[in-house]
């Protein structure tokens, strides 16, 4: 038998047409496809759409319940977040959250319907004890590449990979062997490692306990080698043992963080 199911279209209850248009069209960037009413005094029924997502908005009693929740899959949560931050809509200022299932941006419409835009995580890392390795090229001399990685870590680190992105205040790396590496938020500080190698322009290493049990720390080992006018950077996140193996799957996004580092090091 041929497949008969095609698409589910959520119906969300609304009470004010102007507020609905301001939110869904002006803020979220949906198109106002059409609206219907049986007569000039009847409630309205509207379709809005963006890309492959269609929503129906209804003023009719019984069509949905205020405070409903909706999950929308999205390709790039960071891009959506940046887009929304650029809109003049004072009633909403969503953050971006890193969850075990991916990145999320959650908004509330004027009728308390909650819409969560969800970017699924990339394929999880295999359950292995091998180090996580990345090789990248930085458009800066080794001394500069080292400085940006260490002293500038708080700038290129993405706040979504912290306990509370909205209160993120930076990362401090004490520049010496035995120095502390500290994640700062507005109201709290979290030690996330200790410097074990400090060779400016050549090598940096630390223990690493962010999202990992402090009793089973992992390690970051970064080597900097001159490569023409730039630097070849060898990054390794190791120290995986049976006690922390279960944490390894959380670190599939190092490539995204290191891309931010590469951008930060550009002249």
C-alpha atoms as a PDB file:
ATOM      1  CA  UNK A   1       0.000   0.000   0.000  1.00  0.00           C
ATOM      2  CA  UNK A   2       1.315   3.465  -0.862  1.00  0.00           C
ATOM      3  CA  UNK A   3       2.161   5.760   2.041  1.00  0.00           C
ATOM      4  CA  UNK A   4      -0.807   7.968   2.925  1.00  0.00           C
ATOM      5  CA  UNK A   5       0.570  10.156   5.719  1.00  0.00           C
ATOM      6  CA  UNK A   6       2.150  13.378   4.472  1.00  0.00           C
ATOM      7  CA  UNK A   7       2.445  16.219   6.984  1.00  0.00           C
ATOM      8  CA  UNK A   8       1.292  17.217  10.457  1.00  0.00           C
ATOM      9  CA  UNK A   9       0.366  20.887  10.884  1.00  0.00           C
ATOM     10  CA  UNK A  10       0.128  22.115  14.500  1.00  0.00           C
ATOM     11  CA  UNK A  11      -2.773  24.412  15.397  1.00  0.00           C
ATOM     12  CA  UNK A  12      -1.926  27.100  17.946  1.00  0.00           C
ATOM     13  CA  UNK A  13      -4.550  29.183  19.746  1.00  0.00           C
ATOM     14  CA  UNK A  14      -4.269  32.979  19.407  1.00  0.00           C
ATOM     15  CA  UNK A  15      -6.406  35.884  20.645  1.00  0.00           C
ATOM     16  CA  UNK A  16      -5.047  38.993  18.945  1.00  0.00           C
ATOM     17  CA  UNK A  17      -4.382  39.127  15.210  1.00  0.00           C
ATOM     18  CA  UNK A  18      -2.027  42.109  15.318  1.00  0.00           C
ATOM     19  CA  UNK A  19       0.129  40.593  18.066  1.00  0.00           C
ATOM     20  CA  UNK A  20       0.216  37.290  16.214  1.00  0.00           C
ATOM     21  CA  UNK A  21       1.347  38.984  12.998  1.00  0.00           C
ATOM     22  CA  UNK A  22       3.997  41.026  14.822  1.00  0.00           C
ATOM     23  CA  UNK A  23       5.433  37.885  16.434  1.00  0.00           C
ATOM     24  CA  UNK A  24       5.226  35.293  13.669  1.00  0.00           C
ATOM     25  CA  UNK A  25       5.941  37.584  10.696  1.00  0.00           C
ATOM     26  CA  UNK A  26       7.884  40.508  12.124  1.00  0.00           C
ATOM     27  CA  UNK A  27       9.930  38.545  14.658  1.00  0.00           C
ATOM     28  CA  UNK A  28      10.167  34.916  13.527  1.00  0.00           C
ATOM     29  CA  UNK A  29      10.175  35.692   9.810  1.00  0.00           C
ATOM     30  CA  UNK A  30       7.228  33.493   8.792  1.00  0.00           C
ATOM     31  CA  UNK A  31       5.099  34.339   5.785  1.00  0.00           C
ATOM     32  CA  UNK A  32       1.409  35.145   6.390  1.00  0.00           C
ATOM     33  CA  UNK A  33       0.032  32.750   3.774  1.00  0.00           C
ATOM     34  CA  UNK A  34      -3.680  33.181   4.154  1.00  0.00           C
ATOM     35  CA  UNK A  35      -6.468  33.779   6.634  1.00  0.00           C
ATOM     36  CA  UNK A  36     -10.078  32.594   6.664  1.00  0.00           C
ATOM     37  CA  UNK A  37     -13.282  33.521   8.466  1.00  0.00           C
ATOM     38  CA  UNK A  38     -16.825  32.373   7.819  1.00  0.00           C
ATOM     39  CA  UNK A  39     -18.242  35.900   8.075  1.00  0.00           C
ATOM     40  CA  UNK A  40     -17.018  39.358   9.166  1.00  0.00           C
ATOM     41  CA  UNK A  41     -17.850  38.614  12.811  1.00  0.00           C
ATOM     42  CA  UNK A  42     -16.321  35.136  12.967  1.00  0.00           C
ATOM     43  CA  UNK A  43     -12.926  34.232  14.487  1.00  0.00           C
ATOM     44  CA  UNK A  44     -10.032  33.992  12.069  1.00  0.00           C
ATOM     45  CA  UNK A  45      -8.009  30.963  11.020  1.00  0.00           C
ATOM     46  CA  UNK A  46      -4.533  31.633   9.566  1.00  0.00           C
ATOM     47  CA  UNK A  47      -1.650  29.746   8.011  1.00  0.00           C
ATOM     48  CA  UNK A  48       1.938  30.954   8.432  1.00  0.00           C
ATOM     49  CA  UNK A  49       4.987  29.268   6.959  1.00  0.00           C
ATOM     50  CA  UNK A  50       8.755  29.432   6.766  1.00  0.00           C
ATOM     51  CA  UNK A  51      10.780  27.009   4.654  1.00  0.00           C
ATOM     52  CA  UNK A  52       9.150  23.586   5.160  1.00  0.00           C
ATOM     53  CA  UNK A  53       7.342  24.480   8.392  1.00  0.00           C
ATOM     54  CA  UNK A  54       3.642  25.368   8.368  1.00  0.00           C
ATOM     55  CA  UNK A  55       1.634  26.448  11.385  1.00  0.00           C
ATOM     56  CA  UNK A  56      -2.052  27.158  11.714  1.00  0.00           C
ATOM     57  CA  UNK A  57      -3.133  29.920  14.085  1.00  0.00           C
ATOM     58  CA  UNK A  58      -6.700  29.940  15.274  1.00  0.00           C
ATOM     59  CA  UNK A  59      -8.974  32.316  17.180  1.00  0.00           C
ATOM     60  CA  UNK A  60     -11.640  29.582  17.332  1.00  0.00           C
ATOM     61  CA  UNK A  61     -12.561  28.253  20.774  1.00  0.00           C
ATOM     62  CA  UNK A  62     -11.445  24.631  21.056  1.00  0.00           C
ATOM     63  CA  UNK A  63      -8.651  24.906  18.477  1.00  0.00           C
ATOM     64  CA  UNK A  64      -5.664  24.251  20.659  1.00  0.00           C
ATOM     65  CA  UNK A  65      -4.929  25.393  24.189  1.00  0.00           C
ATOM     66  CA  UNK A  66      -2.899  28.455  25.170  1.00  0.00           C
ATOM     67  CA  UNK A  67       0.461  27.323  26.543  1.00  0.00           C
ATOM     68  CA  UNK A  68       0.975  24.542  24.015  1.00  0.00           C
ATOM     69  CA  UNK A  69       4.533  23.387  23.218  1.00  0.00           C
ATOM     70  CA  UNK A  70       6.004  22.857  19.757  1.00  0.00           C
ATOM     71  CA  UNK A  71       9.384  21.468  18.668  1.00  0.00           C
ATOM     72  CA  UNK A  72      10.755  22.615  15.296  1.00  0.00           C
ATOM     73  CA  UNK A  73      13.851  21.010  13.795  1.00  0.00           C
ATOM     74  CA  UNK A  74      16.346  23.540  12.429  1.00  0.00           C
ATOM     75  CA  UNK A  75      19.637  23.278  10.548  1.00  0.00           C
ATOM     76  CA  UNK A  76      21.531  26.083  12.303  1.00  0.00           C
ATOM     77  CA  UNK A  77      20.401  27.228  15.754  1.00  0.00           C
ATOM     78  CA  UNK A  78      23.197  29.791  16.044  1.00  0.00           C
ATOM     79  CA  UNK A  79      22.168  31.497  12.807  1.00  0.00           C
ATOM     80  CA  UNK A  80      18.544  31.711  13.974  1.00  0.00           C
ATOM     81  CA  UNK A  81      19.631  33.072  17.342  1.00  0.00           C
ATOM     82  CA  UNK A  82      21.742  35.753  15.670  1.00  0.00           C
ATOM     83  CA  UNK A  83      18.837  36.643  13.378  1.00  0.00           C
ATOM     84  CA  UNK A  84      16.413  37.027  16.297  1.00  0.00           C
ATOM     85  CA  UNK A  85      18.906  39.125  18.252  1.00  0.00           C
ATOM     86  CA  UNK A  86      18.910  41.565  15.347  1.00  0.00           C
ATOM     87  CA  UNK A  87      15.159  42.124  15.433  1.00  0.00           C
ATOM     88  CA  UNK A  88      13.523  44.956  17.341  1.00  0.00           C
ATOM     89  CA  UNK A  89      11.134  42.912  19.463  1.00  0.00           C
ATOM     90  CA  UNK A  90      11.507  43.932  23.134  1.00  0.00           C
ATOM     91  CA  UNK A  91       9.114  41.271  24.454  1.00  0.00           C
ATOM     92  CA  UNK A  92      11.549  38.428  23.712  1.00  0.00           C
ATOM     93  CA  UNK A  93      15.284  37.898  24.164  1.00  0.00           C
ATOM     94  CA  UNK A  94      15.933  34.137  23.918  1.00  0.00           C
ATOM     95  CA  UNK A  95      19.252  32.506  24.644  1.00  0.00           C
ATOM     96  CA  UNK A  96      20.772  29.486  22.983  1.00  0.00           C
ATOM     97  CA  UNK A  97      21.152  26.364  25.080  1.00  0.00           C
ATOM     98  CA  UNK A  98      23.382  23.327  24.654  1.00  0.00           C
ATOM     99  CA  UNK A  99      21.471  20.190  25.622  1.00  0.00           C
ATOM    100  CA  UNK A 100      22.521  16.522  25.387  1.00  0.00           C
ATOM    101  CA  UNK A 101      20.209  16.262  22.351  1.00  0.00           C
ATOM    102  CA  UNK A 102      21.491  19.391  20.574  1.00  0.00           C
ATOM    103  CA  UNK A 103      21.297  23.188  20.495  1.00  0.00           C
ATOM    104  CA  UNK A 104      17.972  24.851  21.247  1.00  0.00           C
ATOM    105  CA  UNK A 105      16.439  28.321  20.965  1.00  0.00           C
ATOM    106  CA  UNK A 106      13.086  28.691  22.752  1.00  0.00           C
ATOM    107  CA  UNK A 107      10.569  31.497  22.306  1.00  0.00           C
ATOM    108  CA  UNK A 108       7.108  32.233  23.698  1.00  0.00           C
ATOM    109  CA  UNK A 109       4.446  33.751  21.483  1.00  0.00           C
ATOM    110  CA  UNK A 110       2.113  36.441  22.933  1.00  0.00           C
ATOM    111  CA  UNK A 111      -0.355  33.693  23.881  1.00  0.00           C
ATOM    112  CA  UNK A 112       2.175  31.631  25.907  1.00  0.00           C
ATOM    113  CA  UNK A 113       2.641  28.988  23.227  1.00  0.00           C
ATOM    114  CA  UNK A 114       6.227  27.724  23.516  1.00  0.00           C
ATOM    115  CA  UNK A 115       8.222  27.046  20.340  1.00  0.00           C
ATOM    116  CA  UNK A 116      11.601  25.346  20.681  1.00  0.00           C
ATOM    117  CA  UNK A 117      13.862  25.383  17.628  1.00  0.00           C
ATOM    118  CA  UNK A 118      16.163  22.369  17.822  1.00  0.00           C
ATOM    119  CA  UNK A 119      19.408  21.693  15.975  1.00  0.00           C
ATOM    120  CA  UNK A 120      20.227  17.988  16.508  1.00  0.00           C
ATOM    121  CA  UNK A 121      23.774  17.191  17.510  1.00  0.00           C
ATOM    122  CA  UNK A 122      26.175  15.932  14.905  1.00  0.00           C
ATOM    123  CA  UNK A 123      26.692  12.194  14.926  1.00  0.00           C
ATOM    124  CA  UNK A 124      27.981  11.236  18.328  1.00  0.00           C
ATOM    125  CA  UNK A 125      31.565  10.204  18.825  1.00  0.00           C
ATOM    126  CA  UNK A 126      32.138   6.459  18.972  1.00  0.00           C
ATOM    127  CA  UNK A 127      32.373   4.928  22.412  1.00  0.00           C
ATOM    128  CA  UNK A 128      36.174   4.789  22.461  1.00  0.00           C
ATOM    129  CA  UNK A 129      39.133   5.651  24.671  1.00  0.00           C
ATOM    130  CA  UNK A 130      41.102   7.132  21.764  1.00  0.00           C
ATOM    131  CA  UNK A 131      41.955  10.844  21.958  1.00  0.00           C
ATOM    132  CA  UNK A 132      39.781  13.300  20.032  1.00  0.00           C
ATOM    133  CA  UNK A 133      42.119  14.930  17.496  1.00  0.00           C
ATOM    134  CA  UNK A 134      41.819  17.925  15.189  1.00  0.00           C
ATOM    135  CA  UNK A 135      44.384  19.579  12.923  1.00  0.00           C
ATOM    136  CA  UNK A 136      43.832  23.162  11.812  1.00  0.00           C
ATOM    137  CA  UNK A 137      45.700  26.015  10.190  1.00  0.00           C
ATOM    138  CA  UNK A 138      45.771  29.451  11.793  1.00  0.00           C
ATOM    139  CA  UNK A 139      46.594  32.608   9.840  1.00  0.00           C
ATOM    140  CA  UNK A 140      49.042  33.856  12.468  1.00  0.00           C
ATOM    141  CA  UNK A 141      52.564  33.175  13.650  1.00  0.00           C
ATOM    142  CA  UNK A 142      52.964  30.496  16.369  1.00  0.00           C
ATOM    143  CA  UNK A 143      53.408  33.043  19.159  1.00  0.00           C
ATOM    144  CA  UNK A 144      50.156  34.753  18.210  1.00  0.00           C
ATOM    145  CA  UNK A 145      48.313  31.441  17.708  1.00  0.00           C
ATOM    146  CA  UNK A 146      49.425  30.359  21.195  1.00  0.00           C
ATOM    147  CA  UNK A 147      48.361  33.680  22.742  1.00  0.00           C
ATOM    148  CA  UNK A 148      44.889  33.560  21.220  1.00  0.00           C
ATOM    149  CA  UNK A 149      44.361  29.953  22.279  1.00  0.00           C
ATOM    150  CA  UNK A 150      45.336  30.634  25.894  1.00  0.00           C
ATOM    151  CA  UNK A 151      44.869  34.274  26.898  1.00  0.00           C
ATOM    152  CA  UNK A 152      42.044  34.618  24.377  1.00  0.00           C
ATOM    153  CA  UNK A 153      40.209  31.418  25.280  1.00  0.00           C
ATOM    154  CA  UNK A 154      37.434  33.341  26.951  1.00  0.00           C
ATOM    155  CA  UNK A 155      36.789  35.254  23.716  1.00  0.00           C
ATOM    156  CA  UNK A 156      36.587  32.364  21.276  1.00  0.00           C
ATOM    157  CA  UNK A 157      34.844  29.926  23.605  1.00  0.00           C
ATOM    158  CA  UNK A 158      31.144  29.634  22.795  1.00  0.00           C
ATOM    159  CA  UNK A 159      29.011  30.402  25.888  1.00  0.00           C
ATOM    160  CA  UNK A 160      26.509  27.685  24.939  1.00  0.00           C
ATOM    161  CA  UNK A 161      29.088  25.159  26.140  1.00  0.00           C
ATOM    162  CA  UNK A 162      28.891  26.442  29.713  1.00  0.00           C
ATOM    163  CA  UNK A 163      26.446  25.861  32.579  1.00  0.00           C
ATOM    164  CA  UNK A 164      24.510  29.106  31.875  1.00  0.00           C
ATOM    165  CA  UNK A 165      25.144  30.828  28.554  1.00  0.00           C
ATOM    166  CA  UNK A 166      23.331  34.030  29.523  1.00  0.00           C
ATOM    167  CA  UNK A 167      25.654  34.717  32.484  1.00  0.00           C
ATOM    168  CA  UNK A 168      28.931  33.673  30.823  1.00  0.00           C
ATOM    169  CA  UNK A 169      31.761  36.072  31.707  1.00  0.00           C
ATOM    170  CA  UNK A 170      34.892  34.423  30.302  1.00  0.00           C
ATOM    171  CA  UNK A 171      37.687  31.912  30.878  1.00  0.00           C
ATOM    172  CA  UNK A 172      40.942  32.788  32.628  1.00  0.00           C
ATOM    173  CA  UNK A 173      44.144  30.816  31.996  1.00  0.00           C
ATOM    174  CA  UNK A 174      46.914  31.485  34.503  1.00  0.00           C
ATOM    175  CA  UNK A 175      50.083  31.620  32.341  1.00  0.00           C
ATOM    176  CA  UNK A 176      52.370  29.105  34.051  1.00  0.00           C
ATOM    177  CA  UNK A 177      52.708  25.421  34.796  1.00  0.00           C
ATOM    178  CA  UNK A 178      50.431  24.735  37.723  1.00  0.00           C
ATOM    179  CA  UNK A 179      48.274  27.725  36.817  1.00  0.00           C
ATOM    180  CA  UNK A 180      44.519  27.437  37.108  1.00  0.00           C
ATOM    181  CA  UNK A 181      42.022  27.479  34.239  1.00  0.00           C
ATOM    182  CA  UNK A 182      38.782  29.035  35.467  1.00  0.00           C
ATOM    183  CA  UNK A 183      35.379  29.391  33.827  1.00  0.00           C
ATOM    184  CA  UNK A 184      33.628  32.563  35.023  1.00  0.00           C
ATOM    185  CA  UNK A 185      29.962  33.427  35.171  1.00  0.00           C
ATOM    186  CA  UNK A 186      28.438  36.591  36.618  1.00  0.00           C
ATOM    187  CA  UNK A 187      27.706  34.920  39.937  1.00  0.00           C
ATOM    188  CA  UNK A 188      30.034  31.898  40.060  1.00  0.00           C
ATOM    189  CA  UNK A 189      33.433  30.514  39.083  1.00  0.00           C
ATOM    190  CA  UNK A 190      34.198  26.953  38.033  1.00  0.00           C
ATOM    191  CA  UNK A 191      37.728  25.489  37.986  1.00  0.00           C
ATOM    192  CA  UNK A 192      38.006  23.507  34.752  1.00  0.00           C
ATOM    193  CA  UNK A 193      41.666  22.506  34.786  1.00  0.00           C
ATOM    194  CA  UNK A 194      45.288  23.137  35.608  1.00  0.00           C
ATOM    195  CA  UNK A 195      48.084  24.087  33.202  1.00  0.00           C
ATOM    196  CA  UNK A 196      50.559  21.215  32.789  1.00  0.00           C
ATOM    197  CA  UNK A 197      52.669  22.514  29.865  1.00  0.00           C
ATOM    198  CA  UNK A 198      53.376  26.185  29.122  1.00  0.00           C
ATOM    199  CA  UNK A 199      55.722  26.704  26.171  1.00  0.00           C
ATOM    200  CA  UNK A 200      54.668  29.938  24.421  1.00  0.00           C
ATOM    201  CA  UNK A 201      54.538  29.526  20.664  1.00  0.00           C
ATOM    202  CA  UNK A 202      55.136  25.772  20.867  1.00  0.00           C
ATOM    203  CA  UNK A 203      52.876  23.803  23.211  1.00  0.00           C
ATOM    204  CA  UNK A 204      50.089  24.216  25.740  1.00  0.00           C
ATOM    205  CA  UNK A 205      48.500  21.493  27.839  1.00  0.00           C
ATOM    206  CA  UNK A 206      46.074  21.348  30.735  1.00  0.00           C
ATOM    207  CA  UNK A 207      43.883  18.987  32.660  1.00  0.00           C
ATOM    208  CA  UNK A 208      40.252  19.440  31.623  1.00  0.00           C
ATOM    209  CA  UNK A 209      37.180  18.827  33.768  1.00  0.00           C
ATOM    210  CA  UNK A 210      34.378  20.835  32.150  1.00  0.00           C
ATOM    211  CA  UNK A 211      31.350  18.494  32.091  1.00  0.00           C
ATOM    212  CA  UNK A 212      33.625  15.736  33.424  1.00  0.00           C
ATOM    213  CA  UNK A 213      34.003  14.317  36.934  1.00  0.00           C
ATOM    214  CA  UNK A 214      36.964  15.998  38.646  1.00  0.00           C
ATOM    215  CA  UNK A 215      38.076  12.601  39.946  1.00  0.00           C
ATOM    216  CA  UNK A 216      38.674  11.445  36.346  1.00  0.00           C
ATOM    217  CA  UNK A 217      40.029  14.514  34.514  1.00  0.00           C
ATOM    218  CA  UNK A 218      40.818  14.492  30.829  1.00  0.00           C
ATOM    219  CA  UNK A 219      43.615  16.439  29.114  1.00  0.00           C
ATOM    220  CA  UNK A 220      43.968  19.034  26.379  1.00  0.00           C
ATOM    221  CA  UNK A 221      47.289  19.050  24.515  1.00  0.00           C
ATOM    222  CA  UNK A 222      47.820  21.683  21.799  1.00  0.00           C
ATOM    223  CA  UNK A 223      50.975  21.968  19.670  1.00  0.00           C
ATOM    224  CA  UNK A 224      51.863  24.926  17.453  1.00  0.00           C
ATOM    225  CA  UNK A 225      54.197  24.581  14.443  1.00  0.00           C
ATOM    226  CA  UNK A 226      55.152  27.279  11.950  1.00  0.00           C
ATOM    227  CA  UNK A 227      53.646  26.571   8.543  1.00  0.00           C
ATOM    228  CA  UNK A 228      54.562  29.176   5.921  1.00  0.00           C
ATOM    229  CA  UNK A 229      52.986  32.462   6.985  1.00  0.00           C
ATOM    230  CA  UNK A 230      50.721  30.711   9.466  1.00  0.00           C
ATOM    231  CA  UNK A 231      50.675  27.980  12.075  1.00  0.00           C
ATOM    232  CA  UNK A 232      49.657  24.335  12.016  1.00  0.00           C
ATOM    233  CA  UNK A 233      47.817  23.536  15.248  1.00  0.00           C
ATOM    234  CA  UNK A 234      47.533  19.946  16.477  1.00  0.00           C
ATOM    235  CA  UNK A 235      44.730  19.638  19.044  1.00  0.00           C
ATOM    236  CA  UNK A 236      44.205  16.534  21.166  1.00  0.00           C
ATOM    237  CA  UNK A 237      41.596  15.894  23.843  1.00  0.00           C
ATOM    238  CA  UNK A 238      42.794  12.778  25.610  1.00  0.00           C
ATOM    239  CA  UNK A 239      42.921  11.140  28.997  1.00  0.00           C
ATOM    240  CA  UNK A 240      39.913   8.942  28.365  1.00  0.00           C
ATOM    241  CA  UNK A 241      39.638   5.993  30.732  1.00  0.00           C
ATOM    242  CA  UNK A 242      36.837   3.656  31.737  1.00  0.00           C
ATOM    243  CA  UNK A 243      35.756   6.006  34.529  1.00  0.00           C
ATOM    244  CA  UNK A 244      35.062   8.909  32.149  1.00  0.00           C
ATOM    245  CA  UNK A 245      34.304   7.027  28.922  1.00  0.00           C
ATOM    246  CA  UNK A 246      30.608   7.933  29.212  1.00  0.00           C
ATOM    247  CA  UNK A 247      31.488  11.658  28.991  1.00  0.00           C
ATOM    248  CA  UNK A 248      33.311  11.382  25.662  1.00  0.00           C
ATOM    249  CA  UNK A 249      30.124  11.570  23.608  1.00  0.00           C
ATOM    250  CA  UNK A 250      29.564  15.125  24.860  1.00  0.00           C
ATOM    251  CA  UNK A 251      32.545  16.449  22.906  1.00  0.00           C
ATOM    252  CA  UNK A 252      31.503  15.970  19.289  1.00  0.00           C
ATOM    253  CA  UNK A 253      31.416  19.760  18.854  1.00  0.00           C
ATOM    254  CA  UNK A 254      35.110  20.568  19.285  1.00  0.00           C
ATOM    255  CA  UNK A 255      35.281  21.373  15.562  1.00  0.00           C
ATOM    256  CA  UNK A 256      32.751  24.214  16.016  1.00  0.00           C
ATOM    257  CA  UNK A 257      34.715  25.673  18.920  1.00  0.00           C
ATOM    258  CA  UNK A 258      38.018  25.410  17.069  1.00  0.00           C
ATOM    259  CA  UNK A 259      36.528  27.200  14.060  1.00  0.00           C
ATOM    260  CA  UNK A 260      35.802  30.105  16.408  1.00  0.00           C
ATOM    261  CA  UNK A 261      39.416  29.973  17.576  1.00  0.00           C
ATOM    262  CA  UNK A 262      40.677  30.099  13.979  1.00  0.00           C
ATOM    263  CA  UNK A 263      38.506  33.152  13.294  1.00  0.00           C
ATOM    264  CA  UNK A 264      39.676  34.870  16.481  1.00  0.00           C
ATOM    265  CA  UNK A 265      43.321  34.436  15.434  1.00  0.00           C
ATOM    266  CA  UNK A 266      42.899  36.078  12.045  1.00  0.00           C
ATOM    267  CA  UNK A 267      44.850  39.358  11.665  1.00  0.00           C
END
